Amino acid sequence: MAEKDIIKLLRVEVERLIADHERVSRECRELTKERDKLLGEKHRLEERVREQDTRIKSLELAEVLRGGDGNVERAKARVNSLLREVDKCIALIKQEQDNR
């Protein structure tokens, strides 16, 4: 008789564990979907921030070059920065061509 009670208790415990496993697995799938959705949104927002930063820099440069704030040194520094960036791009292109 005691063995039957132990078997019944074990069966109940196993069924509870299986139910818990299914519930946790479902929750894990839902959380994974939510995480993926949030990661996609994060990447979209990061791209938007980069675009806005680029736009702000362009507008600031246009304002400086227009003479809006009267700071010629700032305009020269920005133009020099852009020229250095162009030089880096040219060097990378030449390096890529030499590697071929």
PDB file of N, CA and C in Angstrom:
ATOM      1  N   MET A   1       0.809  -1.188   0.000  1.00  0.00           N
ATOM      2  CA  MET A   1       0.000   0.000   0.000  1.00  0.00           C
ATOM      3  C   MET A   1       0.860   1.263   0.000  1.00  0.00           C
ATOM      4  N   ALA A   2       1.907   1.263   0.751  1.00  0.00           N
ATOM      5  CA  ALA A   2       2.777   2.432   0.838  1.00  0.00           C
ATOM      6  C   ALA A   2       3.457   2.711  -0.491  1.00  0.00           C
ATOM      7  N   GLU A   3       3.778   1.627  -1.221  1.00  0.00           N
ATOM      8  CA  GLU A   3       4.413   1.805  -2.519  1.00  0.00           C
ATOM      9  C   GLU A   3       3.475   2.504  -3.491  1.00  0.00           C
ATOM     10  N   LYS A   4       2.196   2.149  -3.432  1.00  0.00           N
ATOM     11  CA  LYS A   4       1.216   2.787  -4.319  1.00  0.00           C
ATOM     12  C   LYS A   4       1.098   4.276  -3.991  1.00  0.00           C
ATOM     13  N   ASP A   5       1.132   4.614  -2.720  1.00  0.00           N
ATOM     14  CA  ASP A   5       1.059   6.030  -2.324  1.00  0.00           C
ATOM     15  C   ASP A   5       2.281   6.801  -2.819  1.00  0.00           C
ATOM     16  N   ILE A   6       3.435   6.175  -2.720  1.00  0.00           N
ATOM     17  CA  ILE A   6       4.667   6.820  -3.194  1.00  0.00           C
ATOM     18  C   ILE A   6       4.606   7.021  -4.696  1.00  0.00           C
ATOM     19  N   ILE A   7       4.131   6.007  -5.406  1.00  0.00           N
ATOM     20  CA  ILE A   7       4.008   6.103  -6.869  1.00  0.00           C
ATOM     21  C   ILE A   7       3.024   7.207  -7.242  1.00  0.00           C
ATOM     22  N   LYS A   8       1.904   7.282  -6.532  1.00  0.00           N
ATOM     23  CA  LYS A   8       0.921   8.339  -6.799  1.00  0.00           C
ATOM     24  C   LYS A   8       1.529   9.711  -6.546  1.00  0.00           C
ATOM     25  N   LEU A   9       2.255   9.855  -5.448  1.00  0.00           N
ATOM     26  CA  LEU A   9       2.896  11.141  -5.132  1.00  0.00           C
ATOM     27  C   LEU A   9       3.936  11.518  -6.188  1.00  0.00           C
ATOM     28  N   LEU A  10       4.696  10.504  -6.609  1.00  0.00           N
ATOM     29  CA  LEU A  10       5.691  10.763  -7.662  1.00  0.00           C
ATOM     30  C   LEU A  10       5.005  11.169  -8.967  1.00  0.00           C
ATOM     31  N   ARG A  11       3.927  10.497  -9.302  1.00  0.00           N
ATOM     32  CA  ARG A  11       3.187  10.820 -10.528  1.00  0.00           C
ATOM     33  C   ARG A  11       2.662  12.267 -10.465  1.00  0.00           C
ATOM     34  N   VAL A  12       2.092  12.636  -9.333  1.00  0.00           N
ATOM     35  CA  VAL A  12       1.578  13.997  -9.163  1.00  0.00           C
ATOM     36  C   VAL A  12       2.720  15.009  -9.290  1.00  0.00           C
ATOM     37  N   GLU A  13       3.848  14.699  -8.681  1.00  0.00           N
ATOM     38  CA  GLU A  13       5.000  15.609  -8.722  1.00  0.00           C
ATOM     39  C   GLU A  13       5.540  15.731 -10.154  1.00  0.00           C
ATOM     40  N   VAL A  14       5.629  14.621 -10.867  1.00  0.00           N
ATOM     41  CA  VAL A  14       6.102  14.640 -12.260  1.00  0.00           C
ATOM     42  C   VAL A  14       5.149  15.449 -13.130  1.00  0.00           C
ATOM     43  N   GLU A  15       3.859  15.252 -12.950  1.00  0.00           N
ATOM     44  CA  GLU A  15       2.874  16.013 -13.728  1.00  0.00           C
ATOM     45  C   GLU A  15       2.988  17.509 -13.434  1.00  0.00           C
ATOM     46  N   ARG A  16       3.218  17.846 -12.162  1.00  0.00           N
ATOM     47  CA  ARG A  16       3.396  19.251 -11.799  1.00  0.00           C
ATOM     48  C   ARG A  16       4.660  19.824 -12.445  1.00  0.00           C
ATOM     49  N   LEU A  17       5.731  19.049 -12.427  1.00  0.00           N
ATOM     50  CA  LEU A  17       6.980  19.490 -13.041  1.00  0.00           C
ATOM     51  C   LEU A  17       6.829  19.674 -14.552  1.00  0.00           C
ATOM     52  N   ILE A  18       6.123  18.763 -15.192  1.00  0.00           N
ATOM     53  CA  ILE A  18       5.884  18.882 -16.637  1.00  0.00           C
ATOM     54  C   ILE A  18       5.073  20.138 -16.933  1.00  0.00           C
ATOM     55  N   ALA A  19       4.035  20.382 -16.145  1.00  0.00           N
ATOM     56  CA  ALA A  19       3.204  21.580 -16.332  1.00  0.00           C
ATOM     57  C   ALA A  19       4.040  22.850 -16.122  1.00  0.00           C
ATOM     58  N   ASP A  20       4.880  22.830 -15.084  1.00  0.00           N
ATOM     59  CA  ASP A  20       5.759  23.974 -14.830  1.00  0.00           C
ATOM     60  C   ASP A  20       6.715  24.196 -15.997  1.00  0.00           C
ATOM     61  N   HIS A  21       7.266  23.094 -16.501  1.00  0.00           N
ATOM     62  CA  HIS A  21       8.190  23.189 -17.644  1.00  0.00           C
ATOM     63  C   HIS A  21       7.497  23.802 -18.862  1.00  0.00           C
ATOM     64  N   GLU A  22       6.298  23.353 -19.160  1.00  0.00           N
ATOM     65  CA  GLU A  22       5.552  23.889 -20.306  1.00  0.00           C
ATOM     66  C   GLU A  22       5.253  25.368 -20.116  1.00  0.00           C
ATOM     67  N   ARG A  23       4.868  25.745 -18.892  1.00  0.00           N
ATOM     68  CA  ARG A  23       4.565  27.150 -18.609  1.00  0.00           C
ATOM     69  C   ARG A  23       5.820  28.016 -18.766  1.00  0.00           C
ATOM     70  N   VAL A  24       6.927  27.545 -18.219  1.00  0.00           N
ATOM     71  CA  VAL A  24       8.183  28.306 -18.301  1.00  0.00           C
ATOM     72  C   VAL A  24       8.667  28.366 -19.752  1.00  0.00           C
ATOM     73  N   SER A  25       8.502  27.290 -20.492  1.00  0.00           N
ATOM     74  CA  SER A  25       8.909  27.285 -21.906  1.00  0.00           C
ATOM     75  C   SER A  25       8.092  28.291 -22.705  1.00  0.00           C
ATOM     76  N   ARG A  26       6.793  28.337 -22.457  1.00  0.00           N
ATOM     77  CA  ARG A  26       5.920  29.305 -23.125  1.00  0.00           C
ATOM     78  C   ARG A  26       6.351  30.731 -22.795  1.00  0.00           C
ATOM     79  N   GLU A  27       6.592  30.966 -21.511  1.00  0.00           N
ATOM     80  CA  GLU A  27       7.018  32.296 -21.073  1.00  0.00           C
ATOM     81  C   GLU A  27       8.353  32.678 -21.711  1.00  0.00           C
ATOM     82  N   CYS A  28       9.253  31.729 -21.812  1.00  0.00           N
ATOM     83  CA  CYS A  28      10.556  31.970 -22.431  1.00  0.00           C
ATOM     84  C   CYS A  28      10.400  32.352 -23.907  1.00  0.00           C
ATOM     85  N   ARG A  29       9.523  31.639 -24.627  1.00  0.00           N
ATOM     86  CA  ARG A  29       9.283  31.968 -26.038  1.00  0.00           C
ATOM     87  C   ARG A  29       8.702  33.379 -26.181  1.00  0.00           C
ATOM     88  N   GLU A  30       7.756  33.716 -25.312  1.00  0.00           N
ATOM     89  CA  GLU A  30       7.151  35.055 -25.356  1.00  0.00           C
ATOM     90  C   GLU A  30       8.189  36.128 -25.064  1.00  0.00           C
ATOM     91  N   LEU A  31       9.033  35.892 -24.076  1.00  0.00           N
ATOM     92  CA  LEU A  31      10.064  36.864 -23.729  1.00  0.00           C
ATOM     93  C   LEU A  31      11.109  36.993 -24.834  1.00  0.00           C
ATOM     94  N   THR A  32      11.402  35.887 -25.495  1.00  0.00           N
ATOM     95  CA  THR A  32      12.349  35.929 -26.610  1.00  0.00           C
ATOM     96  C   THR A  32      11.781  36.772 -27.749  1.00  0.00           C
ATOM     97  N   LYS A  33      10.506  36.592 -28.051  1.00  0.00           N
ATOM     98  CA  LYS A  33       9.865  37.400 -29.091  1.00  0.00           C
ATOM     99  C   LYS A  33       9.895  38.885 -28.720  1.00  0.00           C
ATOM    100  N   GLU A  34       9.573  39.166 -27.465  1.00  0.00           N
ATOM    101  CA  GLU A  34       9.574  40.562 -27.003  1.00  0.00           C
ATOM    102  C   GLU A  34      10.986  41.152 -27.082  1.00  0.00           C
ATOM    103  N   ARG A  35      11.993  40.369 -26.671  1.00  0.00           N
ATOM    104  CA  ARG A  35      13.381  40.831 -26.755  1.00  0.00           C
ATOM    105  C   ARG A  35      13.777  41.144 -28.193  1.00  0.00           C
ATOM    106  N   ASP A  36      13.437  40.249 -29.121  1.00  0.00           N
ATOM    107  CA  ASP A  36      13.770  40.462 -30.520  1.00  0.00           C
ATOM    108  C   ASP A  36      13.094  41.719 -31.060  1.00  0.00           C
ATOM    109  N   LYS A  37      11.858  41.916 -30.673  1.00  0.00           N
ATOM    110  CA  LYS A  37      11.133  43.112 -31.105  1.00  0.00           C
ATOM    111  C   LYS A  37      11.811  44.368 -30.552  1.00  0.00           C
ATOM    112  N   LEU A  38      12.182  44.331 -29.283  1.00  0.00           N
ATOM    113  CA  LEU A  38      12.830  45.492 -28.668  1.00  0.00           C
ATOM    114  C   LEU A  38      14.213  45.746 -29.267  1.00  0.00           C
ATOM    115  N   LEU A  39      14.938  44.688 -29.600  1.00  0.00           N
ATOM    116  CA  LEU A  39      16.238  44.866 -30.249  1.00  0.00           C
ATOM    117  C   LEU A  39      16.082  45.522 -31.617  1.00  0.00           C
ATOM    118  N   GLY A  40      15.064  45.102 -32.360  1.00  0.00           N
ATOM    119  CA  GLY A  40      14.798  45.727 -33.654  1.00  0.00           C
ATOM    120  C   GLY A  40      14.479  47.202 -33.501  1.00  0.00           C
ATOM    121  N   GLU A  41      13.670  47.525 -32.526  1.00  0.00           N
ATOM    122  CA  GLU A  41      13.323  48.927 -32.260  1.00  0.00           C
ATOM    123  C   GLU A  41      14.556  49.716 -31.845  1.00  0.00           C
ATOM    124  N   LYS A  42      15.400  49.105 -31.019  1.00  0.00           N
ATOM    125  CA  LYS A  42      16.635  49.767 -30.571  1.00  0.00           C
ATOM    126  C   LYS A  42      17.523  50.092 -31.766  1.00  0.00           C
ATOM    127  N   HIS A  43      17.701  49.117 -32.662  1.00  0.00           N
ATOM    128  CA  HIS A  43      18.539  49.347 -33.847  1.00  0.00           C
ATOM    129  C   HIS A  43      17.946  50.441 -34.730  1.00  0.00           C
ATOM    130  N   ARG A  44      16.636  50.434 -34.872  1.00  0.00           N
ATOM    131  CA  ARG A  44      15.985  51.468 -35.682  1.00  0.00           C
ATOM    132  C   ARG A  44      16.218  52.846 -35.068  1.00  0.00           C
ATOM    133  N   LEU A  45      16.087  52.941 -33.762  1.00  0.00           N
ATOM    134  CA  LEU A  45      16.276  54.223 -33.086  1.00  0.00           C
ATOM    135  C   LEU A  45      17.742  54.668 -33.116  1.00  0.00           C
ATOM    136  N   GLU A  46      18.671  53.718 -32.999  1.00  0.00           N
ATOM    137  CA  GLU A  46      20.084  54.066 -33.097  1.00  0.00           C
ATOM    138  C   GLU A  46      20.409  54.624 -34.475  1.00  0.00           C
ATOM    139  N   GLU A  47      19.843  54.024 -35.515  1.00  0.00           N
ATOM    140  CA  GLU A  47      20.051  54.520 -36.879  1.00  0.00           C
ATOM    141  C   GLU A  47      19.478  55.924 -37.028  1.00  0.00           C
ATOM    142  N   ARG A  48      18.321  56.125 -36.440  1.00  0.00           N
ATOM    143  CA  ARG A  48      17.699  57.455 -36.506  1.00  0.00           C
ATOM    144  C   ARG A  48      18.563  58.495 -35.786  1.00  0.00           C
ATOM    145  N   VAL A  49      19.139  58.121 -34.662  1.00  0.00           N
ATOM    146  CA  VAL A  49      20.027  59.034 -33.932  1.00  0.00           C
ATOM    147  C   VAL A  49      21.243  59.376 -34.795  1.00  0.00           C
ATOM    148  N   ARG A  50      21.838  58.366 -35.458  1.00  0.00           N
ATOM    149  CA  ARG A  50      22.981  58.620 -36.334  1.00  0.00           C
ATOM    150  C   ARG A  50      22.597  59.576 -37.458  1.00  0.00           C
ATOM    151  N   GLU A  51      21.431  59.356 -38.056  1.00  0.00           N
ATOM    152  CA  GLU A  51      20.977  60.240 -39.129  1.00  0.00           C
ATOM    153  C   GLU A  51      20.787  61.670 -38.621  1.00  0.00           C
ATOM    154  N   GLN A  52      20.198  61.792 -37.442  1.00  0.00           N
ATOM    155  CA  GLN A  52      19.968  63.124 -36.873  1.00  0.00           C
ATOM    156  C   GLN A  52      21.290  63.804 -36.515  1.00  0.00           C
ATOM    157  N   ASP A  53      22.249  63.033 -35.993  1.00  0.00           N
ATOM    158  CA  ASP A  53      23.565  63.600 -35.691  1.00  0.00           C
ATOM    159  C   ASP A  53      24.232  64.126 -36.957  1.00  0.00           C
ATOM    160  N   THR A  54      24.133  63.352 -38.020  1.00  0.00           N
ATOM    161  CA  THR A  54      24.702  63.778 -39.300  1.00  0.00           C
ATOM    162  C   THR A  54      24.021  65.049 -39.786  1.00  0.00           C
ATOM    163  N   ARG A  55      22.723  65.082 -39.650  1.00  0.00           N
ATOM    164  CA  ARG A  55      21.982  66.278 -40.083  1.00  0.00           C
ATOM    165  C   ARG A  55      22.373  67.496 -39.250  1.00  0.00           C
ATOM    166  N   ILE A  56      22.506  67.302 -37.951  1.00  0.00           N
ATOM    167  CA  ILE A  56      22.892  68.409 -37.073  1.00  0.00           C
ATOM    168  C   ILE A  56      24.277  68.928 -37.456  1.00  0.00           C
ATOM    169  N   LYS A  57      25.214  68.020 -37.694  1.00  0.00           N
ATOM    170  CA  LYS A  57      26.568  68.430 -38.073  1.00  0.00           C
ATOM    171  C   LYS A  57      26.542  69.204 -39.386  1.00  0.00           C
ATOM    172  N   SER A  58      25.735  68.734 -40.322  1.00  0.00           N
ATOM    173  CA  SER A  58      25.636  69.432 -41.610  1.00  0.00           C
ATOM    174  C   SER A  58      25.053  70.833 -41.434  1.00  0.00           C
ATOM    175  N   LEU A  59      24.012  70.919 -40.622  1.00  0.00           N
ATOM    176  CA  LEU A  59      23.396  72.224 -40.384  1.00  0.00           C
ATOM    177  C   LEU A  59      24.348  73.157 -39.637  1.00  0.00           C
ATOM    178  N   GLU A  60      25.091  72.613 -38.673  1.00  0.00           N
ATOM    179  CA  GLU A  60      26.064  73.434 -37.956  1.00  0.00           C
ATOM    180  C   GLU A  60      27.147  73.930 -38.903  1.00  0.00           C
ATOM    181  N   LEU A  61      27.627  73.049 -39.774  1.00  0.00           N
ATOM    182  CA  LEU A  61      28.646  73.457 -40.736  1.00  0.00           C
ATOM    183  C   LEU A  61      28.106  74.533 -41.669  1.00  0.00           C
ATOM    184  N   ALA A  62      26.891  74.333 -42.149  1.00  0.00           N
ATOM    185  CA  ALA A  62      26.297  75.328 -43.041  1.00  0.00           C
ATOM    186  C   ALA A  62      26.185  76.683 -42.337  1.00  0.00           C
ATOM    187  N   GLU A  63      25.800  76.651 -41.072  1.00  0.00           N
ATOM    188  CA  GLU A  63      25.667  77.892 -40.310  1.00  0.00           C
ATOM    189  C   GLU A  63      27.028  78.560 -40.120  1.00  0.00           C
ATOM    190  N   VAL A  64      28.044  77.763 -39.808  1.00  0.00           N
ATOM    191  CA  VAL A  64      29.380  78.321 -39.604  1.00  0.00           C
ATOM    192  C   VAL A  64      29.908  78.903 -40.898  1.00  0.00           C
ATOM    193  N   LEU A  65      29.751  78.133 -41.984  1.00  0.00           N
ATOM    194  CA  LEU A  65      30.247  78.605 -43.277  1.00  0.00           C
ATOM    195  C   LEU A  65      29.484  79.827 -43.770  1.00  0.00           C
ATOM    196  N   ARG A  66      28.254  79.939 -43.385  1.00  0.00           N
ATOM    197  CA  ARG A  66      27.445  81.092 -43.752  1.00  0.00           C
ATOM    198  C   ARG A  66      27.889  82.328 -42.975  1.00  0.00           C
ATOM    199  N   GLY A  67      28.584  82.064 -41.887  1.00  0.00           N
ATOM    200  CA  GLY A  67      29.046  83.188 -41.077  1.00  0.00           C
ATOM    201  C   GLY A  67      28.043  83.602 -40.033  1.00  0.00           C
ATOM    202  N   GLY A  68      27.135  82.708 -39.732  1.00  0.00           N
ATOM    203  CA  GLY A  68      26.068  83.016 -38.793  1.00  0.00           C
ATOM    204  C   GLY A  68      26.560  83.335 -37.401  1.00  0.00           C
ATOM    205  N   ASP A  69      27.588  82.639 -36.935  1.00  0.00           N
ATOM    206  CA  ASP A  69      28.057  82.921 -35.586  1.00  0.00           C
ATOM    207  C   ASP A  69      29.357  83.716 -35.596  1.00  0.00           C
ATOM    208  N   GLY A  70      29.868  84.007 -36.791  1.00  0.00           N
ATOM    209  CA  GLY A  70      31.054  84.841 -36.910  1.00  0.00           C
ATOM    210  C   GLY A  70      32.339  84.154 -36.489  1.00  0.00           C
ATOM    211  N   ASN A  71      32.332  82.873 -36.294  1.00  0.00           N
ATOM    212  CA  ASN A  71      33.507  82.158 -35.836  1.00  0.00           C
ATOM    213  C   ASN A  71      34.202  81.500 -37.022  1.00  0.00           C
ATOM    214  N   VAL A  72      35.154  82.198 -37.606  1.00  0.00           N
ATOM    215  CA  VAL A  72      35.878  81.709 -38.773  1.00  0.00           C
ATOM    216  C   VAL A  72      36.777  80.531 -38.387  1.00  0.00           C
ATOM    217  N   GLU A  73      37.367  80.588 -37.203  1.00  0.00           N
ATOM    218  CA  GLU A  73      38.246  79.503 -36.758  1.00  0.00           C
ATOM    219  C   GLU A  73      37.480  78.190 -36.641  1.00  0.00           C
ATOM    220  N   ARG A  74      36.267  78.287 -36.151  1.00  0.00           N
ATOM    221  CA  ARG A  74      35.445  77.082 -36.024  1.00  0.00           C
ATOM    222  C   ARG A  74      35.140  76.514 -37.412  1.00  0.00           C
ATOM    223  N   ALA A  75      34.859  77.377 -38.361  1.00  0.00           N
ATOM    224  CA  ALA A  75      34.582  76.932 -39.726  1.00  0.00           C
ATOM    225  C   ALA A  75      35.812  76.252 -40.316  1.00  0.00           C
ATOM    226  N   LYS A  76      36.978  76.846 -40.112  1.00  0.00           N
ATOM    227  CA  LYS A  76      38.215  76.260 -40.641  1.00  0.00           C
ATOM    228  C   LYS A  76      38.476  74.893 -40.009  1.00  0.00           C
ATOM    229  N   ALA A  77      38.265  74.803 -38.711  1.00  0.00           N
ATOM    230  CA  ALA A  77      38.489  73.539 -38.019  1.00  0.00           C
ATOM    231  C   ALA A  77      37.561  72.461 -38.553  1.00  0.00           C
ATOM    232  N   ARG A  78      36.321  72.800 -38.801  1.00  0.00           N
ATOM    233  CA  ARG A  78      35.354  71.821 -39.313  1.00  0.00           C
ATOM    234  C   ARG A  78      35.721  71.389 -40.724  1.00  0.00           C
ATOM    235  N   VAL A  79      36.108  72.336 -41.565  1.00  0.00           N
ATOM    236  CA  VAL A  79      36.502  72.002 -42.940  1.00  0.00           C
ATOM    237  C   VAL A  79      37.742  71.118 -42.907  1.00  0.00           C
ATOM    238  N   ASN A  80      38.716  71.450 -42.046  1.00  0.00           N
ATOM    239  CA  ASN A  80      39.922  70.619 -41.935  1.00  0.00           C
ATOM    240  C   ASN A  80      39.577  69.210 -41.470  1.00  0.00           C
ATOM    241  N   SER A  81      38.650  69.096 -40.539  1.00  0.00           N
ATOM    242  CA  SER A  81      38.211  67.788 -40.067  1.00  0.00           C
ATOM    243  C   SER A  81      37.599  66.984 -41.209  1.00  0.00           C
ATOM    244  N   LEU A  82      36.781  67.629 -42.007  1.00  0.00           N
ATOM    245  CA  LEU A  82      36.163  66.945 -43.144  1.00  0.00           C
ATOM    246  C   LEU A  82      37.209  66.529 -44.172  1.00  0.00           C
ATOM    247  N   LEU A  83      38.199  67.380 -44.393  1.00  0.00           N
ATOM    248  CA  LEU A  83      39.265  67.049 -45.339  1.00  0.00           C
ATOM    249  C   LEU A  83      40.079  65.853 -44.843  1.00  0.00           C
ATOM    250  N   ARG A  84      40.361  65.794 -43.545  1.00  0.00           N
ATOM    251  CA  ARG A  84      41.078  64.643 -42.990  1.00  0.00           C
ATOM    252  C   ARG A  84      40.266  63.363 -43.186  1.00  0.00           C
ATOM    253  N   GLU A  85      38.962  63.471 -43.010  1.00  0.00           N
ATOM    254  CA  GLU A  85      38.097  62.309 -43.209  1.00  0.00           C
ATOM    255  C   GLU A  85      38.125  61.847 -44.665  1.00  0.00           C
ATOM    256  N   VAL A  86      38.117  62.796 -45.594  1.00  0.00           N
ATOM    257  CA  VAL A  86      38.193  62.463 -47.020  1.00  0.00           C
ATOM    258  C   VAL A  86      39.538  61.814 -47.323  1.00  0.00           C
ATOM    259  N   ASP A  87      40.612  62.363 -46.752  1.00  0.00           N
ATOM    260  CA  ASP A  87      41.941  61.778 -46.956  1.00  0.00           C
ATOM    261  C   ASP A  87      42.004  60.339 -46.452  1.00  0.00           C
ATOM    262  N   LYS A  88      41.388  60.064 -45.302  1.00  0.00           N
ATOM    263  CA  LYS A  88      41.357  58.706 -44.773  1.00  0.00           C
ATOM    264  C   LYS A  88      40.621  57.772 -45.730  1.00  0.00           C
ATOM    265  N   CYS A  89      39.523  58.258 -46.283  1.00  0.00           N
ATOM    266  CA  CYS A  89      38.750  57.437 -47.234  1.00  0.00           C
ATOM    267  C   CYS A  89      39.571  57.137 -48.476  1.00  0.00           C
ATOM    268  N   ILE A  90      40.263  58.131 -48.974  1.00  0.00           N
ATOM    269  CA  ILE A  90      41.108  57.945 -50.163  1.00  0.00           C
ATOM    270  C   ILE A  90      42.213  56.937 -49.866  1.00  0.00           C
ATOM    271  N   ALA A  91      42.836  57.052 -48.690  1.00  0.00           N
ATOM    272  CA  ALA A  91      43.895  56.118 -48.315  1.00  0.00           C
ATOM    273  C   ALA A  91      43.355  54.689 -48.231  1.00  0.00           C
ATOM    274  N   LEU A  92      42.155  54.521 -47.679  1.00  0.00           N
ATOM    275  CA  LEU A  92      41.563  53.180 -47.592  1.00  0.00           C
ATOM    276  C   LEU A  92      41.270  52.621 -48.981  1.00  0.00           C
ATOM    277  N   ILE A  93      40.805  53.458 -49.881  1.00  0.00           N
ATOM    278  CA  ILE A  93      40.529  53.011 -51.248  1.00  0.00           C
ATOM    279  C   ILE A  93      41.815  52.589 -51.933  1.00  0.00           C
ATOM    280  N   LYS A  94      42.879  53.398 -51.776  1.00  0.00           N
ATOM    281  CA  LYS A  94      44.170  53.055 -52.382  1.00  0.00           C
ATOM    282  C   LYS A  94      44.702  51.757 -51.794  1.00  0.00           C
ATOM    283  N   GLN A  95      44.577  51.581 -50.481  1.00  0.00           N
ATOM    284  CA  GLN A  95      45.046  50.369 -49.826  1.00  0.00           C
ATOM    285  C   GLN A  95      44.293  49.156 -50.362  1.00  0.00           C
ATOM    286  N   GLU A  96      43.007  49.306 -50.551  1.00  0.00           N
ATOM    287  CA  GLU A  96      42.191  48.202 -51.074  1.00  0.00           C
ATOM    288  C   GLU A  96      42.620  47.864 -52.501  1.00  0.00           C
ATOM    289  N   GLN A  97      42.908  48.878 -53.293  1.00  0.00           N
ATOM    290  CA  GLN A  97      43.340  48.638 -54.679  1.00  0.00           C
ATOM    291  C   GLN A  97      44.718  47.960 -54.719  1.00  0.00           C
ATOM    292  N   ASP A  98      45.596  48.346 -53.787  1.00  0.00           N
ATOM    293  CA  ASP A  98      46.924  47.731 -53.746  1.00  0.00           C
ATOM    294  C   ASP A  98      46.863  46.269 -53.314  1.00  0.00           C
ATOM    295  N   ASN A  99      45.871  45.934 -52.520  1.00  0.00           N
ATOM    296  CA  ASN A  99      45.734  44.557 -52.032  1.00  0.00           C
ATOM    297  C   ASN A  99      45.174  43.619 -53.102  1.00  0.00           C
ATOM    298  N   ARG A 100      44.663  44.153 -54.151  1.00  0.00           N
ATOM    299  CA  ARG A 100      44.074  43.310 -55.213  1.00  0.00           C
ATOM    300  C   ARG A 100      45.102  42.771 -56.119  1.00  0.00           C
TER     301      ARG A 100
END
